[in-house]
């Protein structure tokens, strides 16, 4: 199982989207080495596609949470949390 030490050096607001992967400066996350980690401002459920391709729902994520996971997609369906930042 590959692992990467990850610390964000930049951030962008993420809009949940069922149809498209996250892009960074117009570049698809699939073309980058790492996914993005999440900061969740307003808690709730979050459905994501992990960098590995696995789709996962995290339930009841609290306000102000940092999620040290690497994702390539933030789903609209299954996501009730808001004010989400992608750290990369």
N, C-alpha and C. Protein backbone atom coordinates (compact mmCIF):
# COMPACT_ATOMS: atom_id res chain seq x y z
N UNK A 1 0.85 -1.17 0.00
CA UNK A 1 0.00 0.00 0.00
C UNK A 1 0.89 1.23 0.00
N UNK A 2 0.77 2.10 -1.03
CA UNK A 2 1.60 3.30 -1.06
C UNK A 2 1.14 4.32 -0.03
N UNK A 3 2.08 5.00 0.56
CA UNK A 3 1.76 6.09 1.48
C UNK A 3 2.60 7.29 1.12
N UNK A 4 2.09 8.46 1.43
CA UNK A 4 2.79 9.70 1.16
C UNK A 4 2.65 10.60 2.37
N UNK A 5 3.74 11.20 2.81
CA UNK A 5 3.64 12.22 3.84
C UNK A 5 3.07 13.46 3.19
N UNK A 6 2.01 14.00 3.76
CA UNK A 6 1.31 15.08 3.09
C UNK A 6 1.11 16.25 4.03
N UNK A 7 1.56 17.41 3.59
CA UNK A 7 1.26 18.67 4.26
C UNK A 7 0.82 19.64 3.20
N UNK A 8 -0.29 20.33 3.44
CA UNK A 8 -0.79 21.27 2.46
C UNK A 8 0.06 22.53 2.41
N UNK A 9 0.29 23.03 1.21
CA UNK A 9 0.98 24.31 1.05
C UNK A 9 0.06 25.32 0.39
N UNK A 10 -1.15 24.89 -0.02
CA UNK A 10 -2.13 25.77 -0.61
C UNK A 10 -3.51 25.21 -0.30
N UNK A 11 -4.54 26.02 -0.50
CA UNK A 11 -5.91 25.58 -0.23
C UNK A 11 -6.86 26.22 -1.23
N UNK A 12 -7.97 25.54 -1.46
CA UNK A 12 -9.03 26.12 -2.28
C UNK A 12 -10.37 25.60 -1.78
N UNK A 13 -11.40 26.44 -1.91
CA UNK A 13 -12.75 26.02 -1.55
C UNK A 13 -13.19 24.93 -2.53
N UNK A 14 -13.84 23.90 -2.01
CA UNK A 14 -14.33 22.81 -2.85
C UNK A 14 -15.84 22.84 -2.93
N UNK A 15 -16.36 22.65 -4.12
CA UNK A 15 -17.79 22.53 -4.33
C UNK A 15 -18.08 21.06 -4.65
N UNK A 16 -18.93 20.42 -3.85
CA UNK A 16 -19.26 19.03 -4.14
C UNK A 16 -19.84 18.89 -5.55
N UNK A 17 -19.45 17.82 -6.25
CA UNK A 17 -19.83 17.64 -7.66
C UNK A 17 -19.88 16.15 -7.96
N UNK A 18 -21.04 15.67 -8.37
CA UNK A 18 -21.19 14.24 -8.69
C UNK A 18 -20.57 13.86 -10.03
N UNK A 19 -20.32 14.83 -10.88
CA UNK A 19 -19.90 14.52 -12.25
C UNK A 19 -18.41 14.69 -12.52
N UNK A 20 -17.73 15.50 -11.73
CA UNK A 20 -16.34 15.83 -12.04
C UNK A 20 -15.42 15.63 -10.84
N UNK A 21 -14.20 15.20 -11.13
CA UNK A 21 -13.16 15.13 -10.11
C UNK A 21 -12.70 16.55 -9.77
N UNK A 22 -12.02 16.68 -8.66
CA UNK A 22 -11.46 17.96 -8.23
C UNK A 22 -10.38 18.38 -9.22
N UNK A 23 -10.34 19.66 -9.52
CA UNK A 23 -9.25 20.21 -10.34
C UNK A 23 -8.50 21.25 -9.52
N UNK A 24 -7.21 21.31 -9.74
CA UNK A 24 -6.34 22.29 -9.10
C UNK A 24 -5.76 23.14 -10.21
N UNK A 25 -6.16 24.40 -10.27
CA UNK A 25 -5.66 25.27 -11.33
C UNK A 25 -5.95 24.73 -12.72
N UNK A 26 -7.10 24.08 -12.89
CA UNK A 26 -7.47 23.53 -14.18
C UNK A 26 -6.89 22.16 -14.47
N UNK A 27 -6.06 21.63 -13.57
CA UNK A 27 -5.45 20.32 -13.76
C UNK A 27 -6.21 19.29 -12.94
N UNK A 28 -6.65 18.21 -13.58
CA UNK A 28 -7.35 17.14 -12.89
C UNK A 28 -6.45 16.53 -11.83
N UNK A 29 -7.03 16.17 -10.73
CA UNK A 29 -6.28 15.55 -9.64
C UNK A 29 -5.62 14.26 -10.11
N UNK A 30 -6.19 13.57 -11.13
CA UNK A 30 -5.59 12.35 -11.66
C UNK A 30 -4.21 12.60 -12.27
N UNK A 31 -3.94 13.84 -12.65
CA UNK A 31 -2.65 14.17 -13.25
C UNK A 31 -1.64 14.67 -12.22
N UNK A 32 -2.02 14.69 -10.97
CA UNK A 32 -1.12 15.14 -9.90
C UNK A 32 -0.71 13.94 -9.07
N UNK A 33 0.39 14.07 -8.34
CA UNK A 33 0.91 12.95 -7.55
C UNK A 33 0.03 12.65 -6.34
N UNK A 34 -0.51 13.67 -5.71
CA UNK A 34 -1.29 13.51 -4.49
C UNK A 34 -2.71 14.00 -4.70
N UNK A 35 -3.62 13.48 -3.89
CA UNK A 35 -4.97 14.03 -3.85
C UNK A 35 -4.98 15.26 -2.96
N UNK A 36 -6.16 15.66 -2.55
CA UNK A 36 -6.28 16.77 -1.62
C UNK A 36 -6.77 16.24 -0.28
N UNK A 37 -6.33 16.88 0.80
CA UNK A 37 -6.87 16.62 2.13
C UNK A 37 -8.01 17.60 2.37
N UNK A 38 -8.80 17.37 3.40
CA UNK A 38 -9.97 18.21 3.63
C UNK A 38 -9.94 18.92 4.97
N UNK A 39 -10.43 20.15 4.95
CA UNK A 39 -10.81 20.86 6.16
C UNK A 39 -12.31 21.08 6.04
N UNK A 40 -13.07 20.69 7.07
CA UNK A 40 -14.53 20.79 7.04
C UNK A 40 -14.96 21.87 8.03
N UNK A 41 -15.46 22.99 7.50
CA UNK A 41 -15.88 24.10 8.35
C UNK A 41 -17.18 23.81 9.08
N UNK A 42 -18.19 23.36 8.34
CA UNK A 42 -19.50 23.04 8.91
C UNK A 42 -19.75 21.55 8.71
N UNK A 43 -19.87 20.84 9.80
CA UNK A 43 -19.89 19.39 9.78
C UNK A 43 -21.12 18.76 9.15
N UNK A 44 -21.02 17.45 8.98
CA UNK A 44 -22.07 16.63 8.39
C UNK A 44 -21.43 15.43 7.72
N UNK A 45 -22.21 14.73 6.91
CA UNK A 45 -21.67 13.59 6.18
C UNK A 45 -20.87 14.08 4.97
N UNK A 46 -19.85 13.30 4.59
CA UNK A 46 -19.03 13.62 3.43
C UNK A 46 -18.80 12.33 2.64
N UNK A 47 -19.17 12.38 1.35
CA UNK A 47 -18.88 11.24 0.47
C UNK A 47 -17.76 11.66 -0.47
N UNK A 48 -16.74 10.82 -0.56
CA UNK A 48 -15.55 11.13 -1.36
C UNK A 48 -15.12 9.92 -2.17
N UNK A 49 -14.32 10.19 -3.20
CA UNK A 49 -13.57 9.13 -3.87
C UNK A 49 -12.13 9.31 -3.44
N UNK A 50 -11.61 8.27 -2.79
CA UNK A 50 -10.23 8.30 -2.34
C UNK A 50 -9.30 8.28 -3.56
N UNK A 51 -8.05 8.65 -3.38
CA UNK A 51 -7.09 8.63 -4.46
C UNK A 51 -6.97 7.24 -5.08
N UNK A 52 -7.22 6.20 -4.27
CA UNK A 52 -7.18 4.82 -4.75
C UNK A 52 -8.35 4.45 -5.64
N UNK A 53 -9.40 5.28 -5.63
CA UNK A 53 -10.61 5.00 -6.40
C UNK A 53 -11.77 4.51 -5.56
N UNK A 54 -11.53 4.18 -4.30
CA UNK A 54 -12.57 3.70 -3.40
C UNK A 54 -13.51 4.85 -3.03
N UNK A 55 -14.82 4.61 -3.10
CA UNK A 55 -15.82 5.60 -2.68
C UNK A 55 -16.19 5.31 -1.23
N UNK A 56 -16.10 6.35 -0.39
CA UNK A 56 -16.32 6.21 1.05
C UNK A 56 -17.21 7.35 1.54
N UNK A 57 -18.10 7.04 2.48
CA UNK A 57 -18.88 8.08 3.16
C UNK A 57 -18.42 8.16 4.60
N UNK A 58 -18.01 9.36 5.01
CA UNK A 58 -17.66 9.63 6.40
C UNK A 58 -18.88 10.29 7.04
N UNK A 59 -19.42 9.66 8.09
CA UNK A 59 -20.64 10.14 8.73
C UNK A 59 -20.34 11.05 9.91
N UNK A 60 -21.16 12.08 10.04
CA UNK A 60 -21.12 12.96 11.22
C UNK A 60 -19.76 13.59 11.47
N UNK A 61 -19.11 14.08 10.42
CA UNK A 61 -17.83 14.78 10.59
C UNK A 61 -18.10 16.08 11.35
N UNK A 62 -17.41 16.34 12.46
CA UNK A 62 -17.68 17.53 13.26
C UNK A 62 -17.22 18.83 12.58
N UNK A 63 -17.79 19.94 13.01
CA UNK A 63 -17.35 21.27 12.58
C UNK A 63 -15.86 21.43 12.85
N UNK A 64 -15.17 22.10 11.96
CA UNK A 64 -13.76 22.43 12.18
C UNK A 64 -12.82 21.24 12.13
N UNK A 65 -13.19 20.20 11.39
CA UNK A 65 -12.36 18.99 11.33
C UNK A 65 -11.36 19.05 10.17
N UNK A 66 -10.16 18.55 10.44
CA UNK A 66 -9.17 18.31 9.41
C UNK A 66 -9.17 16.82 9.13
N UNK A 67 -9.30 16.45 7.87
CA UNK A 67 -9.33 15.04 7.51
C UNK A 67 -8.07 14.71 6.71
N UNK A 68 -7.13 14.01 7.30
CA UNK A 68 -5.87 13.69 6.63
C UNK A 68 -6.01 12.50 5.68
N UNK A 69 -6.90 12.66 4.72
CA UNK A 69 -7.12 11.65 3.70
C UNK A 69 -6.78 12.28 2.36
N UNK A 70 -6.52 11.47 1.36
CA UNK A 70 -6.23 12.00 0.03
C UNK A 70 -7.36 11.61 -0.91
N UNK A 71 -8.06 12.63 -1.42
CA UNK A 71 -9.22 12.37 -2.26
C UNK A 71 -9.03 13.00 -3.64
N UNK A 72 -9.82 12.48 -4.59
CA UNK A 72 -9.84 13.08 -5.91
C UNK A 72 -11.22 13.57 -6.30
N UNK A 73 -12.24 13.21 -5.49
CA UNK A 73 -13.60 13.66 -5.78
C UNK A 73 -14.37 13.88 -4.49
N UNK A 74 -15.12 14.96 -4.45
CA UNK A 74 -16.03 15.27 -3.36
C UNK A 74 -17.44 15.23 -3.94
N UNK A 75 -18.20 14.22 -3.55
CA UNK A 75 -19.53 13.99 -4.12
C UNK A 75 -20.55 14.97 -3.54
N UNK A 76 -21.49 15.39 -4.40
CA UNK A 76 -22.61 16.20 -3.94
C UNK A 76 -23.63 15.31 -3.23
N UNK A 77 -23.97 14.18 -3.88
CA UNK A 77 -24.87 13.23 -3.23
C UNK A 77 -24.10 12.57 -2.09
N UNK A 78 -24.70 12.51 -0.94
CA UNK A 78 -24.02 11.91 0.20
C UNK A 78 -23.20 12.90 1.02
N UNK A 79 -23.13 14.16 0.58
CA UNK A 79 -22.37 15.18 1.33
C UNK A 79 -23.34 16.25 1.84
N UNK A 80 -23.42 16.36 3.16
CA UNK A 80 -24.23 17.39 3.79
C UNK A 80 -23.37 18.46 4.46
N UNK A 81 -22.09 18.18 4.64
CA UNK A 81 -21.17 19.15 5.23
C UNK A 81 -20.95 20.29 4.24
N UNK A 82 -20.46 21.43 4.76
CA UNK A 82 -20.21 22.58 3.89
C UNK A 82 -18.98 23.34 4.37
N UNK A 83 -18.67 24.41 3.65
CA UNK A 83 -17.46 25.20 3.96
C UNK A 83 -16.23 24.30 3.99
N UNK A 84 -16.08 23.54 2.91
CA UNK A 84 -15.01 22.55 2.81
C UNK A 84 -13.86 23.12 1.99
N UNK A 85 -12.66 23.00 2.53
CA UNK A 85 -11.45 23.41 1.83
C UNK A 85 -10.63 22.18 1.45
N UNK A 86 -10.08 22.22 0.26
CA UNK A 86 -9.12 21.21 -0.16
C UNK A 86 -7.72 21.72 0.05
N UNK A 87 -6.91 20.96 0.77
CA UNK A 87 -5.51 21.33 1.04
C UNK A 87 -4.63 20.47 0.17
N UNK A 88 -3.68 21.10 -0.51
CA UNK A 88 -2.81 20.37 -1.42
C UNK A 88 -1.42 20.95 -1.42
